PDB file of N, CA and C in Angstrom:
ATOM      1  N   MET A   1    -224.045  75.689-138.503  1.00  0.00           N
ATOM      2  CA  MET A   1    -225.261  75.940-139.167  1.00  0.00           C
ATOM      3  C   MET A   1    -225.955  74.198-139.531  1.00  0.00           C
ATOM      4  N   THR A   2    -227.038  74.272-139.301  1.00  0.00           N
ATOM      5  CA  THR A   2    -227.788  73.020-139.650  1.00  0.00           C
ATOM      6  C   THR A   2    -228.621  72.983-140.919  1.00  0.00           C
ATOM      7  N   ILE A   3    -228.510  72.283-141.780  1.00  0.00           N
ATOM      8  CA  ILE A   3    -229.339  72.230-142.932  1.00  0.00           C
ATOM      9  C   ILE A   3    -230.651  70.740-142.515  1.00  0.00           C
ATOM     10  N   TYR A   4    -231.731  71.101-142.570  1.00  0.00           N
ATOM     11  CA  TYR A   4    -232.635  70.152-142.368  1.00  0.00           C
ATOM     12  C   TYR A   4    -233.336  69.571-143.846  1.00  0.00           C
ATOM     13  N   TYR A   5    -233.458  68.524-143.987  1.00  0.00           N
ATOM     14  CA  TYR A   5    -234.124  67.945-144.937  1.00  0.00           C
ATOM     15  C   TYR A   5    -235.575  67.414-144.748  1.00  0.00           C
ATOM     16  N   ALA A   6    -236.270  67.247-145.966  1.00  0.00           N
ATOM     17  CA  ALA A   6    -237.568  66.899-146.027  1.00  0.00           C
ATOM     18  C   ALA A   6    -237.842  65.605-145.227  1.00  0.00           C
ATOM     19  N   ASP A   7    -237.041  64.391-145.386  1.00  0.00           N
ATOM     20  CA  ASP A   7    -236.933  63.186-144.992  1.00  0.00           C
ATOM     21  C   ASP A   7    -236.373  62.951-143.615  1.00  0.00           C
ATOM     22  N   ASN A   8    -236.328  64.193-142.620  1.00  0.00           N
ATOM     23  CA  ASN A   8    -235.933  64.348-141.472  1.00  0.00           C
ATOM     24  C   ASN A   8    -234.478  64.180-141.119  1.00  0.00           C
ATOM     25  N   MET A   9    -233.589  63.980-142.176  1.00  0.00           N
ATOM     26  CA  MET A   9    -232.017  63.913-142.227  1.00  0.00           C
ATOM     27  C   MET A   9    -231.687  65.462-142.035  1.00  0.00           C
ATOM     28  N   HIS A  10    -230.448  65.565-141.355  1.00  0.00           N
ATOM     29  CA  HIS A  10    -229.815  66.871-141.419  1.00  0.00           C
ATOM     30  C   HIS A  10    -228.459  66.897-141.431  1.00  0.00           C
ATOM     31  N   LEU A  11    -227.761  68.099-141.761  1.00  0.00           N
ATOM     32  CA  LEU A  11    -226.108  67.953-141.880  1.00  0.00           C
ATOM     33  C   LEU A  11    -226.098  69.348-141.217  1.00  0.00           C
ATOM     34  N   ASP A  12    -224.991  69.134-140.332  1.00  0.00           N
ATOM     35  CA  ASP A  12    -224.466  70.040-139.656  1.00  0.00           C
ATOM     36  C   ASP A  12    -223.158  70.652-140.212  1.00  0.00           C
ATOM     37  N   ILE A  13    -223.142  71.943-140.507  1.00  0.00           N
ATOM     38  CA  ILE A  13    -221.985  72.362-141.157  1.00  0.00           C
ATOM     39  C   ILE A  13    -221.138  73.291-140.050  1.00  0.00           C
ATOM     40  N   THR A  14    -220.062  72.840-139.839  1.00  0.00           N
ATOM     41  CA  THR A  14    -219.291  73.574-138.800  1.00  0.00           C
ATOM     42  C   THR A  14    -217.902  73.954-139.288  1.00  0.00           C
ATOM     43  N   PRO A  15    -217.421  75.043-139.059  1.00  0.00           N
ATOM     44  CA  PRO A  15    -215.990  75.396-139.439  1.00  0.00           C
ATOM     45  C   PRO A  15    -215.217  74.944-138.386  1.00  0.00           C
ATOM     46  N   SER A  16    -213.753  74.782-139.051  1.00  0.00           N
ATOM     47  CA  SER A  16    -212.758  74.260-138.068  1.00  0.00           C
ATOM     48  C   SER A  16    -211.867  75.253-137.960  1.00  0.00           C
ATOM     49  N   LEU A  17    -211.112  75.191-136.805  1.00  0.00           N
ATOM     50  CA  LEU A  17    -209.795  76.036-136.317  1.00  0.00           C
ATOM     51  C   LEU A  17    -208.689  75.168-136.458  1.00  0.00           C
ATOM     52  N   ARG A  18    -207.598  75.589-137.456  1.00  0.00           N
ATOM     53  CA  ARG A  18    -206.613  74.662-137.549  1.00  0.00           C
ATOM     54  C   ARG A  18    -205.580  74.917-136.422  1.00  0.00           C
ATOM     55  N   ASP A  19    -205.279  73.921-135.886  1.00  0.00           N
ATOM     56  CA  ASP A  19    -203.957  73.817-134.826  1.00  0.00           C
ATOM     57  C   ASP A  19    -202.841  73.888-135.277  1.00  0.00           C
ATOM     58  N   TRP A  20    -202.170  75.149-135.482  1.00  0.00           N
ATOM     59  CA  TRP A  20    -201.038  75.532-136.007  1.00  0.00           C
ATOM     60  C   TRP A  20    -199.855  74.751-135.407  1.00  0.00           C
ATOM     61  N   GLY A  21    -198.879  74.333-136.068  1.00  0.00           N
ATOM     62  CA  GLY A  21    -197.618  73.588-135.342  1.00  0.00           C
ATOM     63  C   GLY A  21    -198.015  72.164-135.265  1.00  0.00           C
ATOM     64  N   THR A  22    -199.270  71.617-135.464  1.00  0.00           N
ATOM     65  CA  THR A  22    -199.499  70.174-135.495  1.00  0.00           C
ATOM     66  C   THR A  22    -199.703  69.390-136.839  1.00  0.00           C
ATOM     67  N   VAL A  23    -199.861  68.265-136.756  1.00  0.00           N
ATOM     68  CA  VAL A  23    -200.021  67.305-137.891  1.00  0.00           C
ATOM     69  C   VAL A  23    -200.893  68.119-138.904  1.00  0.00           C
ATOM     70  N   GLU A  24    -200.593  67.902-140.096  1.00  0.00           N
ATOM     71  CA  GLU A  24    -201.561  68.283-140.912  1.00  0.00           C
ATOM     72  C   GLU A  24    -202.963  68.338-140.979  1.00  0.00           C
ATOM     73  N   ARG A  25    -203.880  68.999-141.085  1.00  0.00           N
ATOM     74  CA  ARG A  25    -205.235  69.048-141.163  1.00  0.00           C
ATOM     75  C   ARG A  25    -205.991  68.680-139.806  1.00  0.00           C
ATOM     76  N   GLN A  26    -205.030  68.650-138.609  1.00  0.00           N
ATOM     77  CA  GLN A  26    -205.451  68.684-137.176  1.00  0.00           C
ATOM     78  C   GLN A  26    -206.120  69.956-136.883  1.00  0.00           C
ATOM     79  N   SER A  27    -207.318  69.631-136.237  1.00  0.00           N
ATOM     80  CA  SER A  27    -207.941  71.179-136.040  1.00  0.00           C
ATOM     81  C   SER A  27    -209.107  70.929-134.732  1.00  0.00           C
ATOM     82  N   VAL A  28    -209.726  71.936-134.297  1.00  0.00           N
ATOM     83  CA  VAL A  28    -210.714  71.845-133.480  1.00  0.00           C
ATOM     84  C   VAL A  28    -212.078  72.380-134.187  1.00  0.00           C
ATOM     85  N   ILE A  29    -213.304  71.956-133.485  1.00  0.00           N
ATOM     86  CA  ILE A  29    -214.506  72.300-133.960  1.00  0.00           C
ATOM     87  C   ILE A  29    -215.021  72.734-132.534  1.00  0.00           C
ATOM     88  N   MET A  30    -216.079  73.683-132.742  1.00  0.00           N
ATOM     89  CA  MET A  30    -216.665  74.064-131.318  1.00  0.00           C
ATOM     90  C   MET A  30    -217.949  73.551-131.241  1.00  0.00           C
ATOM     91  N   HIS A  31    -218.281  72.818-129.831  1.00  0.00           N
ATOM     92  CA  HIS A  31    -219.544  72.191-129.361  1.00  0.00           C
ATOM     93  C   HIS A  31    -220.000  73.393-128.640  1.00  0.00           C
ATOM     94  N   ALA A  32    -221.252  73.827-129.287  1.00  0.00           N
ATOM     95  CA  ALA A  32    -221.958  74.922-128.826  1.00  0.00           C
ATOM     96  C   ALA A  32    -223.477  74.899-129.296  1.00  0.00           C
ATOM     97  N   ARG A  33    -224.307  75.243-128.518  1.00  0.00           N
ATOM     98  CA  ARG A  33    -225.734  75.317-128.996  1.00  0.00           C
ATOM     99  C   ARG A  33    -226.049  76.615-129.232  1.00  0.00           C
ATOM    100  N   GLY A  34    -225.496  77.733-128.843  1.00  0.00           N
ATOM    101  CA  GLY A  34    -225.675  78.936-129.759  1.00  0.00           C
ATOM    102  C   GLY A  34    -226.966  79.454-129.269  1.00  0.00           C
ATOM    103  N   PRO A  35    -227.537  80.644-129.709  1.00  0.00           N
ATOM    104  CA  PRO A  35    -226.738  81.473-130.643  1.00  0.00           C
ATOM    105  C   PRO A  35    -225.602  82.315-129.698  1.00  0.00           C
ATOM    106  N   LYS A  36    -225.736  82.493-128.577  1.00  0.00           N
ATOM    107  CA  LYS A  36    -224.820  83.340-127.676  1.00  0.00           C
ATOM    108  C   LYS A  36    -223.894  82.339-126.873  1.00  0.00           C
ATOM    109  N   ALA A  37    -222.813  82.821-126.740  1.00  0.00           N
ATOM    110  CA  ALA A  37    -221.687  82.014-126.055  1.00  0.00           C
ATOM    111  C   ALA A  37    -222.044  81.600-124.584  1.00  0.00           C
ATOM    112  N   SER A  38    -221.667  80.226-124.246  1.00  0.00           N
ATOM    113  CA  SER A  38    -222.095  79.824-122.999  1.00  0.00           C
ATOM    114  C   SER A  38    -220.772  79.241-122.461  1.00  0.00           C
ATOM    115  N   ASP A  39    -220.954  78.955-121.092  1.00  0.00           N
ATOM    116  CA  ASP A  39    -220.141  78.053-120.295  1.00  0.00           C
ATOM    117  C   ASP A  39    -219.944  76.780-120.578  1.00  0.00           C
ATOM    118  N   GLU A  40    -221.061  76.276-121.220  1.00  0.00           N
ATOM    119  CA  GLU A  40    -220.904  74.832-121.959  1.00  0.00           C
ATOM    120  C   GLU A  40    -220.243  74.582-123.191  1.00  0.00           C
ATOM    121  N   ASP A  41    -220.074  75.778-123.949  1.00  0.00           N
ATOM    122  CA  ASP A  41    -219.159  75.688-124.959  1.00  0.00           C
ATOM    123  C   ASP A  41    -217.858  74.969-124.881  1.00  0.00           C
ATOM    124  N   PHE A  42    -217.452  74.259-125.746  1.00  0.00           N
ATOM    125  CA  PHE A  42    -215.979  73.650-125.712  1.00  0.00           C
ATOM    126  C   PHE A  42    -215.319  73.419-127.096  1.00  0.00           C
ATOM    127  N   GLU A  43    -214.400  73.194-127.298  1.00  0.00           N
ATOM    128  CA  GLU A  43    -213.530  72.908-128.545  1.00  0.00           C
ATOM    129  C   GLU A  43    -213.352  71.212-128.331  1.00  0.00           C
ATOM    130  N   VAL A  44    -213.536  70.719-129.880  1.00  0.00           N
ATOM    131  CA  VAL A  44    -213.441  69.322-129.792  1.00  0.00           C
ATOM    132  C   VAL A  44    -212.578  68.793-130.791  1.00  0.00           C
ATOM    133  N   PRO A  45    -211.347  68.180-130.449  1.00  0.00           N
ATOM    134  CA  PRO A  45    -210.327  68.021-131.312  1.00  0.00           C
ATOM    135  C   PRO A  45    -210.883  67.041-132.428  1.00  0.00           C
ATOM    136  N   MET A  46    -210.582  67.233-133.775  1.00  0.00           N
ATOM    137  CA  MET A  46    -210.762  66.192-134.854  1.00  0.00           C
ATOM    138  C   MET A  46    -209.800  66.474-135.981  1.00  0.00           C
ATOM    139  N   ASN A  47    -209.738  65.490-136.869  1.00  0.00           N
ATOM    140  CA  ASN A  47    -208.994  65.509-138.088  1.00  0.00           C
ATOM    141  C   ASN A  47    -209.585  64.579-139.079  1.00  0.00           C
ATOM    142  N   ALA A  48    -210.569  65.478-139.732  1.00  0.00           N
ATOM    143  CA  ALA A  48    -211.647  64.741-140.695  1.00  0.00           C
ATOM    144  C   ALA A  48    -210.781  63.955-141.823  1.00  0.00           C
ATOM    145  N   TYR A  49    -209.595  64.419-142.333  1.00  0.00           N
ATOM    146  CA  TYR A  49    -208.843  63.586-143.306  1.00  0.00           C
ATOM    147  C   TYR A  49    -208.537  62.283-142.667  1.00  0.00           C
ATOM    148  N   GLY A  50    -207.965  62.353-141.376  1.00  0.00           N
ATOM    149  CA  GLY A  50    -207.432  61.170-140.812  1.00  0.00           C
ATOM    150  C   GLY A  50    -208.591  60.158-140.566  1.00  0.00           C
ATOM    151  N   PHE A  51    -209.703  60.819-140.223  1.00  0.00           N
ATOM    152  CA  PHE A  51    -210.966  60.049-139.741  1.00  0.00           C
ATOM    153  C   PHE A  51    -211.252  58.993-141.030  1.00  0.00           C
ATOM    154  N   VAL A  52    -211.450  59.703-142.233  1.00  0.00           N
ATOM    155  CA  VAL A  52    -211.761  59.123-143.507  1.00  0.00           C
ATOM    156  C   VAL A  52    -210.557  58.209-143.991  1.00  0.00           C
ATOM    157  N   GLU A  53    -209.557  58.534-143.762  1.00  0.00           N
ATOM    158  CA  GLU A  53    -208.472  57.392-143.855  1.00  0.00           C
ATOM    159  C   GLU A  53    -208.706  56.087-142.984  1.00  0.00           C
ATOM    160  N   TRP A  54    -208.901  56.289-141.985  1.00  0.00           N
ATOM    161  CA  TRP A  54    -209.183  55.429-141.032  1.00  0.00           C
ATOM    162  C   TRP A  54    -210.249  54.445-141.286  1.00  0.00           C
ATOM    163  N   TYR A  55    -211.323  55.192-141.675  1.00  0.00           N
ATOM    164  CA  TYR A  55    -212.703  54.657-141.977  1.00  0.00           C
ATOM    165  C   TYR A  55    -212.584  53.714-143.394  1.00  0.00           C
ATOM    166  N   LYS A  56    -211.886  54.132-144.247  1.00  0.00           N
ATOM    167  CA  LYS A  56    -211.524  53.109-145.349  1.00  0.00           C
ATOM    168  C   LYS A  56    -210.638  51.871-145.308  1.00  0.00           C
ATOM    169  N   CYS A  57    -210.036  51.854-143.928  1.00  0.00           N
ATOM    170  CA  CYS A  57    -209.570  50.828-143.870  1.00  0.00           C
ATOM    171  C   CYS A  57    -210.486  49.301-143.445  1.00  0.00           C
TER     172      CYS A  57
END
């Protein structure tokens, strides 16, 4: 879902799917244009918590 603001900024809200059996908070999000499934859709690995910790350094 994308939320658009009056100042032309936007926020993409994307649910993540946890990778069970991996480091805590490691997950994947989908890169997809939607609304229907496509051969161009793919999973993107992510760790939002780890990214924030790295960014704070």
